[in-house]
Amino acid sequence: MTDGQGNRLDGEAIAALSFEDALRALEQVVRRLESGDAKLDESIELYEQGEKLRAHCQARLDAAQARIEKIVLSAEGRPAGTVPFDADS
């Protein structure tokens, strides 16, 4: 995967990507691999790049989920600021 200027993304460059940019880069890797046009060595490099991008996306999603849970759950681990569905019954 390149940065649009032909340079491969390294670990630091991937870590600096937003979730959306990393997902776009991962989609490009998948498209390239699925096209079947890449030679074996390039396919292996693309696969490695894709795995790094996947892991980065997963880490960003996990961090977002943790932030949401912290906002939504009370100190006791119960939902905060919500009303049960059957509260009106």
N, C-alpha and C. Protein backbone atom coordinates (compact mmCIF):
# COMPACT_ATOMS: atom_id res chain seq x y z
N MET A 1 0.85 -1.17 0.00
CA MET A 1 0.00 0.00 0.00
C MET A 1 0.89 1.22 0.00
N THR A 2 0.51 2.19 -0.76
CA THR A 2 1.32 3.39 -0.85
C THR A 2 0.56 4.58 -0.31
N ASP A 3 1.29 5.68 -0.14
CA ASP A 3 0.69 6.90 0.38
C ASP A 3 0.13 7.80 -0.72
N GLY A 4 -0.03 7.27 -1.90
CA GLY A 4 -0.52 8.06 -3.02
C GLY A 4 0.61 8.64 -3.84
N GLN A 5 1.83 8.58 -3.32
CA GLN A 5 3.00 9.08 -4.03
C GLN A 5 3.97 7.94 -4.33
N GLY A 6 3.50 6.70 -4.21
CA GLY A 6 4.33 5.56 -4.51
C GLY A 6 5.16 5.05 -3.35
N ASN A 7 5.07 5.68 -2.18
CA ASN A 7 5.84 5.25 -1.01
C ASN A 7 5.01 4.27 -0.19
N ARG A 8 5.63 3.14 0.19
CA ARG A 8 4.93 2.17 1.04
C ARG A 8 4.71 2.75 2.42
N LEU A 9 3.56 2.44 3.01
CA LEU A 9 3.26 2.89 4.36
C LEU A 9 3.99 1.99 5.35
N ASP A 10 4.74 2.60 6.27
CA ASP A 10 5.40 1.81 7.31
C ASP A 10 4.52 1.83 8.55
N GLY A 11 4.99 1.17 9.61
CA GLY A 11 4.21 1.07 10.84
C GLY A 11 3.84 2.42 11.42
N GLU A 12 4.78 3.37 11.41
CA GLU A 12 4.51 4.71 11.94
C GLU A 12 3.46 5.43 11.11
N ALA A 13 3.56 5.30 9.80
CA ALA A 13 2.59 5.96 8.92
C ALA A 13 1.20 5.37 9.13
N ILE A 14 1.13 4.06 9.30
CA ILE A 14 -0.16 3.42 9.55
C ILE A 14 -0.72 3.87 10.88
N ALA A 15 0.11 3.94 11.92
CA ALA A 15 -0.35 4.36 13.25
C ALA A 15 -0.90 5.78 13.24
N ALA A 16 -0.43 6.59 12.31
CA ALA A 16 -0.89 7.98 12.23
C ALA A 16 -2.20 8.14 11.46
N LEU A 17 -2.64 7.07 10.79
CA LEU A 17 -3.86 7.16 9.98
C LEU A 17 -5.11 7.19 10.85
N SER A 18 -6.10 7.95 10.40
CA SER A 18 -7.41 7.88 11.03
C SER A 18 -8.03 6.53 10.68
N PHE A 19 -9.07 6.17 11.38
CA PHE A 19 -9.75 4.92 11.09
C PHE A 19 -10.22 4.90 9.64
N GLU A 20 -10.81 6.00 9.20
CA GLU A 20 -11.36 6.06 7.85
C GLU A 20 -10.27 5.92 6.79
N ASP A 21 -9.14 6.59 6.99
CA ASP A 21 -8.04 6.50 6.03
C ASP A 21 -7.43 5.10 6.01
N ALA A 22 -7.30 4.49 7.19
CA ALA A 22 -6.76 3.13 7.26
C ALA A 22 -7.71 2.14 6.59
N LEU A 23 -9.01 2.34 6.78
CA LEU A 23 -9.99 1.45 6.14
C LEU A 23 -9.93 1.60 4.62
N ARG A 24 -9.80 2.83 4.14
CA ARG A 24 -9.67 3.05 2.69
C ARG A 24 -8.41 2.36 2.15
N ALA A 25 -7.32 2.49 2.88
CA ALA A 25 -6.06 1.85 2.47
C ALA A 25 -6.22 0.33 2.46
N LEU A 26 -6.90 -0.21 3.47
CA LEU A 26 -7.13 -1.65 3.53
C LEU A 26 -7.99 -2.11 2.36
N GLU A 27 -9.00 -1.33 2.02
CA GLU A 27 -9.85 -1.67 0.87
C GLU A 27 -9.03 -1.69 -0.42
N GLN A 28 -8.07 -0.77 -0.56
CA GLN A 28 -7.21 -0.76 -1.74
C GLN A 28 -6.34 -2.01 -1.79
N VAL A 29 -5.83 -2.42 -0.65
CA VAL A 29 -5.01 -3.63 -0.58
C VAL A 29 -5.85 -4.83 -1.01
N VAL A 30 -7.05 -4.93 -0.48
CA VAL A 30 -7.93 -6.06 -0.82
C VAL A 30 -8.24 -6.06 -2.31
N ARG A 31 -8.57 -4.89 -2.86
CA ARG A 31 -8.86 -4.82 -4.30
C ARG A 31 -7.66 -5.28 -5.13
N ARG A 32 -6.47 -4.86 -4.73
CA ARG A 32 -5.25 -5.23 -5.47
C ARG A 32 -5.02 -6.74 -5.39
N LEU A 33 -5.21 -7.30 -4.19
CA LEU A 33 -5.03 -8.75 -4.04
C LEU A 33 -6.09 -9.52 -4.83
N GLU A 34 -7.33 -9.05 -4.79
CA GLU A 34 -8.41 -9.75 -5.48
C GLU A 34 -8.29 -9.65 -7.00
N SER A 35 -7.60 -8.62 -7.47
CA SER A 35 -7.47 -8.45 -8.92
C SER A 35 -6.63 -9.56 -9.54
N GLY A 36 -5.72 -10.14 -8.74
CA GLY A 36 -4.86 -11.20 -9.25
C GLY A 36 -3.70 -10.70 -10.09
N ASP A 37 -3.54 -9.38 -10.18
CA ASP A 37 -2.48 -8.81 -11.01
C ASP A 37 -1.12 -8.76 -10.31
N ALA A 38 -1.11 -8.87 -8.99
CA ALA A 38 0.14 -8.74 -8.24
C ALA A 38 0.95 -10.04 -8.34
N LYS A 39 2.24 -9.89 -8.47
CA LYS A 39 3.13 -11.05 -8.47
C LYS A 39 3.21 -11.60 -7.05
N LEU A 40 3.77 -12.77 -6.88
CA LEU A 40 3.80 -13.44 -5.58
C LEU A 40 4.44 -12.58 -4.49
N ASP A 41 5.62 -12.03 -4.75
CA ASP A 41 6.30 -11.23 -3.73
C ASP A 41 5.49 -9.99 -3.36
N GLU A 42 4.90 -9.36 -4.36
CA GLU A 42 4.06 -8.18 -4.09
C GLU A 42 2.82 -8.59 -3.31
N SER A 43 2.25 -9.73 -3.64
CA SER A 43 1.07 -10.22 -2.92
C SER A 43 1.38 -10.44 -1.44
N ILE A 44 2.55 -10.98 -1.16
CA ILE A 44 2.94 -11.20 0.23
C ILE A 44 3.10 -9.88 0.95
N GLU A 45 3.75 -8.91 0.30
CA GLU A 45 3.89 -7.58 0.90
C GLU A 45 2.54 -6.93 1.13
N LEU A 46 1.64 -7.06 0.15
CA LEU A 46 0.30 -6.50 0.29
C LEU A 46 -0.45 -7.15 1.45
N TYR A 47 -0.30 -8.48 1.57
CA TYR A 47 -0.95 -9.19 2.66
C TYR A 47 -0.44 -8.70 4.01
N GLU A 48 0.88 -8.53 4.13
CA GLU A 48 1.46 -8.01 5.37
C GLU A 48 0.94 -6.61 5.66
N GLN A 49 0.90 -5.78 4.64
CA GLN A 49 0.39 -4.41 4.79
C GLN A 49 -1.07 -4.45 5.23
N GLY A 50 -1.84 -5.32 4.59
CA GLY A 50 -3.26 -5.45 4.94
C GLY A 50 -3.46 -5.88 6.38
N GLU A 51 -2.63 -6.79 6.85
CA GLU A 51 -2.74 -7.25 8.24
C GLU A 51 -2.44 -6.11 9.21
N LYS A 52 -1.44 -5.30 8.91
CA LYS A 52 -1.12 -4.14 9.76
C LYS A 52 -2.27 -3.14 9.76
N LEU A 53 -2.85 -2.90 8.60
CA LEU A 53 -3.99 -1.98 8.50
C LEU A 53 -5.20 -2.53 9.25
N ARG A 54 -5.45 -3.85 9.11
CA ARG A 54 -6.57 -4.48 9.82
C ARG A 54 -6.41 -4.34 11.32
N ALA A 55 -5.20 -4.61 11.80
CA ALA A 55 -4.93 -4.51 13.24
C ALA A 55 -5.11 -3.07 13.72
N HIS A 56 -4.67 -2.11 12.92
CA HIS A 56 -4.84 -0.70 13.28
C HIS A 56 -6.32 -0.33 13.35
N CYS A 57 -7.09 -0.76 12.36
CA CYS A 57 -8.53 -0.48 12.36
C CYS A 57 -9.20 -1.12 13.57
N GLN A 58 -8.83 -2.36 13.89
CA GLN A 58 -9.41 -3.04 15.04
C GLN A 58 -9.08 -2.31 16.33
N ALA A 59 -7.84 -1.86 16.46
CA ALA A 59 -7.44 -1.11 17.66
C ALA A 59 -8.23 0.18 17.79
N ARG A 60 -8.43 0.86 16.67
CA ARG A 60 -9.21 2.12 16.71
C ARG A 60 -10.66 1.84 17.09
N LEU A 61 -11.23 0.75 16.55
CA LEU A 61 -12.60 0.38 16.91
C LEU A 61 -12.71 0.01 18.38
N ASP A 62 -11.75 -0.76 18.88
CA ASP A 62 -11.75 -1.15 20.29
C ASP A 62 -11.66 0.08 21.19
N ALA A 63 -10.82 1.04 20.83
CA ALA A 63 -10.68 2.26 21.62
C ALA A 63 -11.98 3.07 21.60
N ALA A 64 -12.62 3.13 20.45
CA ALA A 64 -13.89 3.85 20.35
C ALA A 64 -14.96 3.16 21.20
N GLN A 65 -14.99 1.85 21.15
CA GLN A 65 -15.98 1.11 21.95
C GLN A 65 -15.74 1.35 23.44
N ALA A 66 -14.50 1.35 23.86
CA ALA A 66 -14.19 1.59 25.27
C ALA A 66 -14.63 2.99 25.69
N ARG A 67 -14.42 3.96 24.82
CA ARG A 67 -14.85 5.33 25.13
C ARG A 67 -16.37 5.42 25.25
N ILE A 68 -17.07 4.74 24.34
CA ILE A 68 -18.54 4.75 24.39
C ILE A 68 -19.03 4.07 25.65
N GLU A 69 -18.45 2.93 26.00
CA GLU A 69 -18.86 2.22 27.21
C GLU A 69 -18.61 3.07 28.45
N LYS A 70 -17.52 3.81 28.46
CA LYS A 70 -17.22 4.68 29.59
C LYS A 70 -18.27 5.78 29.72
N ILE A 71 -18.73 6.29 28.60
CA ILE A 71 -19.75 7.33 28.60
C ILE A 71 -21.10 6.77 29.01
N VAL A 72 -21.45 5.58 28.52
CA VAL A 72 -22.78 5.02 28.68
C VAL A 72 -22.95 4.28 30.01
N LEU A 73 -21.89 3.70 30.57
CA LEU A 73 -22.03 2.91 31.78
C LEU A 73 -21.76 3.74 33.03
N SER A 74 -22.52 3.46 34.07
CA SER A 74 -22.31 4.12 35.36
C SER A 74 -21.10 3.49 36.05
N ALA A 75 -20.73 4.00 37.19
CA ALA A 75 -19.60 3.47 37.95
C ALA A 75 -19.82 2.01 38.34
N GLU A 76 -21.08 1.61 38.50
CA GLU A 76 -21.40 0.23 38.87
C GLU A 76 -21.46 -0.69 37.66
N GLY A 77 -21.22 -0.16 36.48
CA GLY A 77 -21.24 -0.98 35.28
C GLY A 77 -22.62 -1.14 34.67
N ARG A 78 -23.58 -0.39 35.17
CA ARG A 78 -24.93 -0.44 34.62
C ARG A 78 -25.14 0.71 33.65
N PRO A 79 -26.02 0.54 32.68
CA PRO A 79 -26.28 1.64 31.75
C PRO A 79 -26.73 2.89 32.49
N ALA A 80 -26.19 4.01 32.10
CA ALA A 80 -26.53 5.30 32.71
C ALA A 80 -27.28 6.14 31.69
N GLY A 81 -28.25 6.89 32.17
CA GLY A 81 -28.96 7.81 31.29
C GLY A 81 -29.91 7.14 30.32
N THR A 82 -30.29 5.90 30.60
CA THR A 82 -31.24 5.21 29.74
C THR A 82 -32.45 4.82 30.56
N VAL A 83 -33.54 4.59 29.87
CA VAL A 83 -34.77 4.16 30.50
C VAL A 83 -35.12 2.79 29.93
N PRO A 84 -35.43 1.82 30.79
CA PRO A 84 -35.82 0.50 30.27
C PRO A 84 -36.99 0.61 29.31
N PHE A 85 -37.05 -0.29 28.32
CA PHE A 85 -38.11 -0.26 27.34
C PHE A 85 -39.49 -0.41 27.96
N ASP A 86 -39.60 -1.17 29.05
CA ASP A 86 -40.91 -1.40 29.65
C ASP A 86 -41.23 -0.43 30.76
N ALA A 87 -40.57 0.70 30.83
CA ALA A 87 -40.80 1.68 31.91
C ALA A 87 -42.18 2.31 31.82
N ASP A 88 -42.76 2.40 30.62
CA ASP A 88 -44.06 3.02 30.45
C ASP A 88 -45.19 2.06 30.76
N SER A 89 -44.92 0.77 30.87
CA SER A 89 -45.98 -0.22 31.07
C SER A 89 -46.41 -0.25 32.51
